[in-house]
C-alpha atoms as a PDB file:
ATOM      1  CA  MET A   1      30.453 -40.847 108.290  1.00  0.00           C
ATOM      2  CA  ARG A   2      32.840 -38.095 109.379  1.00  0.00           C
ATOM      3  CA  PRO A   3      31.468 -35.061 111.182  1.00  0.00           C
ATOM      4  CA  THR A   4      31.305 -31.844 109.165  1.00  0.00           C
ATOM      5  CA  ARG A   5      32.676 -28.584 110.495  1.00  0.00           C
ATOM      6  CA  ALA A   6      32.742 -24.993 109.243  1.00  0.00           C
ATOM      7  CA  ALA A   7      36.097 -23.246 108.996  1.00  0.00           C
ATOM      8  CA  GLU A   8      36.904 -20.212 111.093  1.00  0.00           C
ATOM      9  CA  THR A   9      39.405 -17.533 110.139  1.00  0.00           C
ATOM     10  CA  ILE A  10      42.388 -17.229 112.462  1.00  0.00           C
ATOM     11  CA  THR A  11      43.934 -13.755 112.534  1.00  0.00           C
ATOM     12  CA  SER A  12      47.230 -12.635 114.032  1.00  0.00           C
ATOM     13  CA  TRP A  13      49.098  -9.335 113.870  1.00  0.00           C
ATOM     14  CA  GLU A  14      52.819  -8.615 113.820  1.00  0.00           C
ATOM     15  CA  LEU A  15      54.951  -5.494 113.688  1.00  0.00           C
ATOM     16  CA  VAL A  16      57.993  -5.717 111.398  1.00  0.00           C
ATOM     17  CA  PHE A  17      61.260  -4.806 113.148  1.00  0.00           C
ATOM     18  CA  PRO A  18      64.744  -4.279 111.647  1.00  0.00           C
ATOM     19  CA  ASN A  19      65.861  -7.774 112.717  1.00  0.00           C
ATOM     20  CA  ASP A  20      63.021  -9.182 110.532  1.00  0.00           C
ATOM     21  CA  ALA A  21      64.365  -7.500 107.391  1.00  0.00           C
ATOM     22  CA  ASN A  22      67.145  -7.652 104.823  1.00  0.00           C
ATOM     23  CA  THR A  23      69.470  -4.795 103.840  1.00  0.00           C
ATOM     24  CA  ASN A  24      66.775  -3.376 101.536  1.00  0.00           C
ATOM     25  CA  GLY A  25      64.417  -2.956 104.491  1.00  0.00           C
ATOM     26  CA  SER A  26      62.085  -5.708 103.254  1.00  0.00           C
ATOM     27  CA  MET A  27      60.967  -8.519 105.528  1.00  0.00           C
ATOM     28  CA  PHE A  28      62.786 -11.814 105.003  1.00  0.00           C
ATOM     29  CA  GLY A  29      60.609 -14.211 102.995  1.00  0.00           C
ATOM     30  CA  GLY A  30      61.509 -17.054 105.352  1.00  0.00           C
ATOM     31  CA  ARG A  31      60.389 -15.063 108.399  1.00  0.00           C
ATOM     32  CA  LEU A  32      57.098 -14.270 106.677  1.00  0.00           C
ATOM     33  CA  MET A  33      56.645 -17.931 105.729  1.00  0.00           C
ATOM     34  CA  ALA A  34      57.238 -18.957 109.360  1.00  0.00           C
ATOM     35  CA  LEU A  35      54.478 -16.597 110.532  1.00  0.00           C
ATOM     36  CA  MET A  36      52.176 -17.971 107.833  1.00  0.00           C
ATOM     37  CA  ASP A  37      52.986 -21.564 108.827  1.00  0.00           C
ATOM     38  CA  LYS A  38      52.277 -20.765 112.475  1.00  0.00           C
ATOM     39  CA  ALA A  39      48.878 -19.166 111.722  1.00  0.00           C
ATOM     40  CA  GLY A  40      48.029 -22.004 109.324  1.00  0.00           C
ATOM     41  CA  GLY A  41      48.951 -24.578 111.957  1.00  0.00           C
ATOM     42  CA  ILE A  42      46.700 -22.902 114.517  1.00  0.00           C
ATOM     43  CA  ALA A  43      43.790 -22.841 112.035  1.00  0.00           C
ATOM     44  CA  ALA A  44      44.366 -26.517 111.170  1.00  0.00           C
ATOM     45  CA  SER A  45      44.674 -27.596 114.803  1.00  0.00           C
ATOM     46  CA  ARG A  46      41.552 -25.697 115.859  1.00  0.00           C
ATOM     47  CA  PHE A  47      39.612 -27.241 112.965  1.00  0.00           C
ATOM     48  CA  THR A  48      40.739 -30.814 113.661  1.00  0.00           C
ATOM     49  CA  GLY A  49      40.979 -30.588 117.448  1.00  0.00           C
ATOM     50  CA  ARG A  50      44.346 -32.350 117.090  1.00  0.00           C
ATOM     51  CA  PRO A  51      48.022 -31.524 116.865  1.00  0.00           C
ATOM     52  CA  VAL A  52      49.096 -31.042 113.251  1.00  0.00           C
ATOM     53  CA  VAL A  53      52.334 -31.062 111.280  1.00  0.00           C
ATOM     54  CA  THR A  54      53.133 -29.186 108.098  1.00  0.00           C
ATOM     55  CA  ALA A  55      53.303 -31.534 105.109  1.00  0.00           C
ATOM     56  CA  SER A  56      53.934 -28.963 102.368  1.00  0.00           C
ATOM     57  CA  THR A  57      53.592 -25.398 101.210  1.00  0.00           C
ATOM     58  CA  GLU A  58      52.092 -24.815  97.787  1.00  0.00           C
ATOM     59  CA  ALA A  59      51.220 -21.874  95.569  1.00  0.00           C
ATOM     60  CA  LEU A  60      53.163 -19.375  97.690  1.00  0.00           C
ATOM     61  CA  HIS A  61      53.120 -15.931  96.092  1.00  0.00           C
ATOM     62  CA  PHE A  62      54.968 -12.822  97.262  1.00  0.00           C
ATOM     63  CA  LEU A  63      52.861 -10.008  95.804  1.00  0.00           C
ATOM     64  CA  ALA A  64      54.361  -6.904  97.447  1.00  0.00           C
ATOM     65  CA  PRO A  65      57.201  -6.228  99.886  1.00  0.00           C
ATOM     66  CA  VAL A  66      56.633  -5.939 103.616  1.00  0.00           C
ATOM     67  CA  LYS A  67      58.785  -3.133 105.018  1.00  0.00           C
ATOM     68  CA  ILE A  68      60.295  -2.324 108.415  1.00  0.00           C
ATOM     69  CA  GLY A  69      57.626  -0.608 110.515  1.00  0.00           C
ATOM     70  CA  ASP A  70      54.698  -2.197 108.682  1.00  0.00           C
ATOM     71  CA  ARG A  71      51.933  -3.897 110.610  1.00  0.00           C
ATOM     72  CA  ILE A  72      50.997  -7.222 109.058  1.00  0.00           C
ATOM     73  CA  GLU A  73      47.774  -9.133 109.429  1.00  0.00           C
ATOM     74  CA  VAL A  74      48.089 -12.885 108.866  1.00  0.00           C
ATOM     75  CA  ARG A  75      44.753 -14.615 108.132  1.00  0.00           C
ATOM     76  CA  ALA A  76      44.393 -18.387 107.881  1.00  0.00           C
ATOM     77  CA  ARG A  77      41.398 -20.625 107.185  1.00  0.00           C
ATOM     78  CA  VAL A  78      40.821 -24.229 106.192  1.00  0.00           C
ATOM     79  CA  VAL A  79      39.714 -24.444 102.550  1.00  0.00           C
ATOM     80  CA  TRP A  80      39.986 -28.188 101.802  1.00  0.00           C
ATOM     81  CA  THR A  81      39.932 -31.440 103.763  1.00  0.00           C
ATOM     82  CA  GLY A  82      40.873 -34.998 102.957  1.00  0.00           C
ATOM     83  CA  THR A  83      40.732 -37.995 105.276  1.00  0.00           C
ATOM     84  CA  THR A  84      43.757 -37.048 107.411  1.00  0.00           C
ATOM     85  CA  SER A  85      45.112 -33.904 105.734  1.00  0.00           C
ATOM     86  CA  LEU A  86      43.801 -30.421 105.150  1.00  0.00           C
ATOM     87  CA  ILE A  87      44.782 -27.337 103.186  1.00  0.00           C
ATOM     88  CA  VAL A  88      44.831 -23.921 104.811  1.00  0.00           C
ATOM     89  CA  LEU A  89      44.806 -20.708 102.780  1.00  0.00           C
ATOM     90  CA  VAL A  90      47.021 -18.103 104.443  1.00  0.00           C
ATOM     91  CA  GLU A  91      46.944 -14.460 103.374  1.00  0.00           C
ATOM     92  CA  VAL A  92      49.135 -11.580 104.546  1.00  0.00           C
ATOM     93  CA  VAL A  93      48.055  -7.947 104.317  1.00  0.00           C
ATOM     94  CA  ALA A  94      50.332  -5.048 105.320  1.00  0.00           C
ATOM     95  CA  GLU A  95      49.596  -1.567 106.614  1.00  0.00           C
ATOM     96  CA  THR A  96      52.074   1.291 106.873  1.00  0.00           C
ATOM     97  CA  PRO A  97      51.412   3.393 110.003  1.00  0.00           C
ATOM     98  CA  GLY A  98      50.200   6.845 109.031  1.00  0.00           C
ATOM     99  CA  ASP A  99      48.993   5.624 105.642  1.00  0.00           C
ATOM    100  CA  GLU A 100      46.368   3.066 106.761  1.00  0.00           C
ATOM    101  CA  SER A 101      45.918   1.731 103.239  1.00  0.00           C
ATOM    102  CA  ARG A 102      46.048  -2.055 103.176  1.00  0.00           C
ATOM    103  CA  ARG A 103      48.018  -3.979 100.577  1.00  0.00           C
ATOM    104  CA  PRO A 104      47.929  -7.727  99.942  1.00  0.00           C
ATOM    105  CA  CYS A 105      51.505  -9.006 100.291  1.00  0.00           C
ATOM    106  CA  THR A 106      51.611 -12.789 100.330  1.00  0.00           C
ATOM    107  CA  THR A 107      49.292 -15.762  99.829  1.00  0.00           C
ATOM    108  CA  GLY A 108      49.931 -19.457 100.159  1.00  0.00           C
ATOM    109  CA  HIS A 109      48.326 -22.848 100.598  1.00  0.00           C
ATOM    110  CA  PHE A 110      49.749 -24.950 103.436  1.00  0.00           C
ATOM    111  CA  THR A 111      48.983 -28.659 103.791  1.00  0.00           C
ATOM    112  CA  PHE A 112      48.825 -30.090 107.307  1.00  0.00           C
ATOM    113  CA  VAL A 113      48.310 -33.618 108.625  1.00  0.00           C
ATOM    114  CA  ALA A 114      46.435 -34.231 111.887  1.00  0.00           C
ATOM    115  CA  LEU A 115      48.116 -36.546 114.366  1.00  0.00           C
ATOM    116  CA  GLY A 116      46.728 -38.905 116.984  1.00  0.00           C
ATOM    117  CA  THR A 117      48.189 -39.735 120.377  1.00  0.00           C
ATOM    118  CA  GLU A 118      50.822 -42.034 118.861  1.00  0.00           C
ATOM    119  CA  GLY A 119      51.977 -39.434 116.341  1.00  0.00           C
ATOM    120  CA  ARG A 120      50.265 -41.154 113.404  1.00  0.00           C
ATOM    121  CA  PRO A 121      47.776 -39.524 110.978  1.00  0.00           C
ATOM    122  CA  VAL A 122      44.146 -39.629 112.132  1.00  0.00           C
ATOM    123  CA  GLU A 123      40.815 -38.997 110.445  1.00  0.00           C
ATOM    124  CA  ILE A 124      39.580 -35.408 110.548  1.00  0.00           C
ATOM    125  CA  PRO A 125      36.174 -33.746 110.100  1.00  0.00           C
ATOM    126  CA  SER A 126      35.096 -32.847 106.589  1.00  0.00           C
ATOM    127  CA  LEU A 127      34.770 -29.187 105.643  1.00  0.00           C
ATOM    128  CA  LEU A 128      31.352 -27.547 105.492  1.00  0.00           C
ATOM    129  CA  LEU A 129      31.234 -25.404 102.349  1.00  0.00           C
ATOM    130  CA  ASP A 130      28.608 -22.957 103.533  1.00  0.00           C
ATOM    131  CA  SER A 131      29.045 -20.027 101.128  1.00  0.00           C
ATOM    132  CA  PRO A 132      29.908 -19.289  97.504  1.00  0.00           C
ATOM    133  CA  ALA A 133      33.290 -17.919  98.665  1.00  0.00           C
ATOM    134  CA  ALA A 134      34.033 -21.137 100.597  1.00  0.00           C
ATOM    135  CA  ARG A 135      33.127 -23.236  97.550  1.00  0.00           C
ATOM    136  CA  ALA A 136      35.348 -21.095  95.287  1.00  0.00           C
ATOM    137  CA  GLU A 137      38.307 -21.364  97.701  1.00  0.00           C
ATOM    138  CA  HIS A 138      37.725 -25.120  97.883  1.00  0.00           C
ATOM    139  CA  ARG A 139      37.853 -25.419  94.072  1.00  0.00           C
ATOM    140  CA  VAL A 140      41.149 -23.490  93.978  1.00  0.00           C
ATOM    141  CA  ALA A 141      42.553 -25.700  96.759  1.00  0.00           C
ATOM    142  CA  GLU A 142      41.591 -28.824  94.774  1.00  0.00           C
ATOM    143  CA  ILE A 143      43.610 -27.490  91.822  1.00  0.00           C
ATOM    144  CA  VAL A 144      46.550 -26.687  94.109  1.00  0.00           C
ATOM    145  CA  LYS A 145      46.356 -30.213  95.577  1.00  0.00           C
ATOM    146  CA  ARG A 146      46.200 -31.854  92.133  1.00  0.00           C
ATOM    147  CA  LYS A 147      49.181 -29.875  90.816  1.00  0.00           C
ATOM    148  CA  ALA A 148      51.193 -30.666  93.965  1.00  0.00           C
ATOM    149  CA  LEU A 149      50.509 -34.387  93.512  1.00  0.00           C
ATOM    150  CA  GLU A 150      51.546 -34.178  89.843  1.00  0.00           C
ATOM    151  CA  ARG A 151      54.805 -32.453  90.838  1.00  0.00           C
ATOM    152  CA  ARG A 152      55.530 -35.051  93.513  1.00  0.00           C
ATOM    153  CA  GLU A 153      54.867 -37.891  91.080  1.00  0.00           C
ATOM    154  CA  GLY A 154      57.280 -36.264  88.625  1.00  0.00           C
ATOM    155  CA  ILE A 155      59.944 -35.970  91.322  1.00  0.00           C
ATOM    156  CA  ALA A 156      59.465 -39.557  92.488  1.00  0.00           C
ATOM    157  CA  ALA A 157      59.495 -41.065  88.986  1.00  0.00           C
ATOM    158  CA  PRO A 158      62.954 -42.174  87.827  1.00  0.00           C
ATOM    159  CA  ASP A 159      64.204 -40.632  84.603  1.00  0.00           C
ATOM    160  CA  SER A 160      65.073 -42.700  81.535  1.00  0.00           C
ATOM    161  CA  SER A 161      68.673 -43.197  82.711  1.00  0.00           C
ATOM    162  CA  GLY A 162      67.469 -44.919  85.888  1.00  0.00           C
ATOM    163  CA  GLY A 163      68.305 -41.956  88.149  1.00  0.00           C
ATOM    164  CA  ARG A 164      65.980 -39.596  89.936  1.00  0.00           C
END
């Protein structure tokens, strides 16, 4: 039986500079995704005690722009575990200095795979669902996982003409 472990929330902060933004003054989506991937990877690695690699990003939603000068908080926590893979929910909240109101900007589910010493997937602990919020996030992650698998099966299945 695999050990069970509770998830912790990893939090990092960034300040958005002009080189992080497009000509409209909004942060590049790719830069934001990289910060989310980094925080998600740290959460996954701390949970598994192993190095991890990103397998996919799912259900990524840009809810509001992040502007030059904003402070962004990136929060990541494990919300689902399989045998060798895990899903991390990453949320980004922005603050504008002088305003102090917080606005949700981006959310996404990132799938990571834990690696052993030879760079191959290894078994990871199972997730302890110790609160109603953790159970609700787990249910959402199961839906995200199922829909991702359905999409991948659709991509992998040849069409009627024999192509992909």
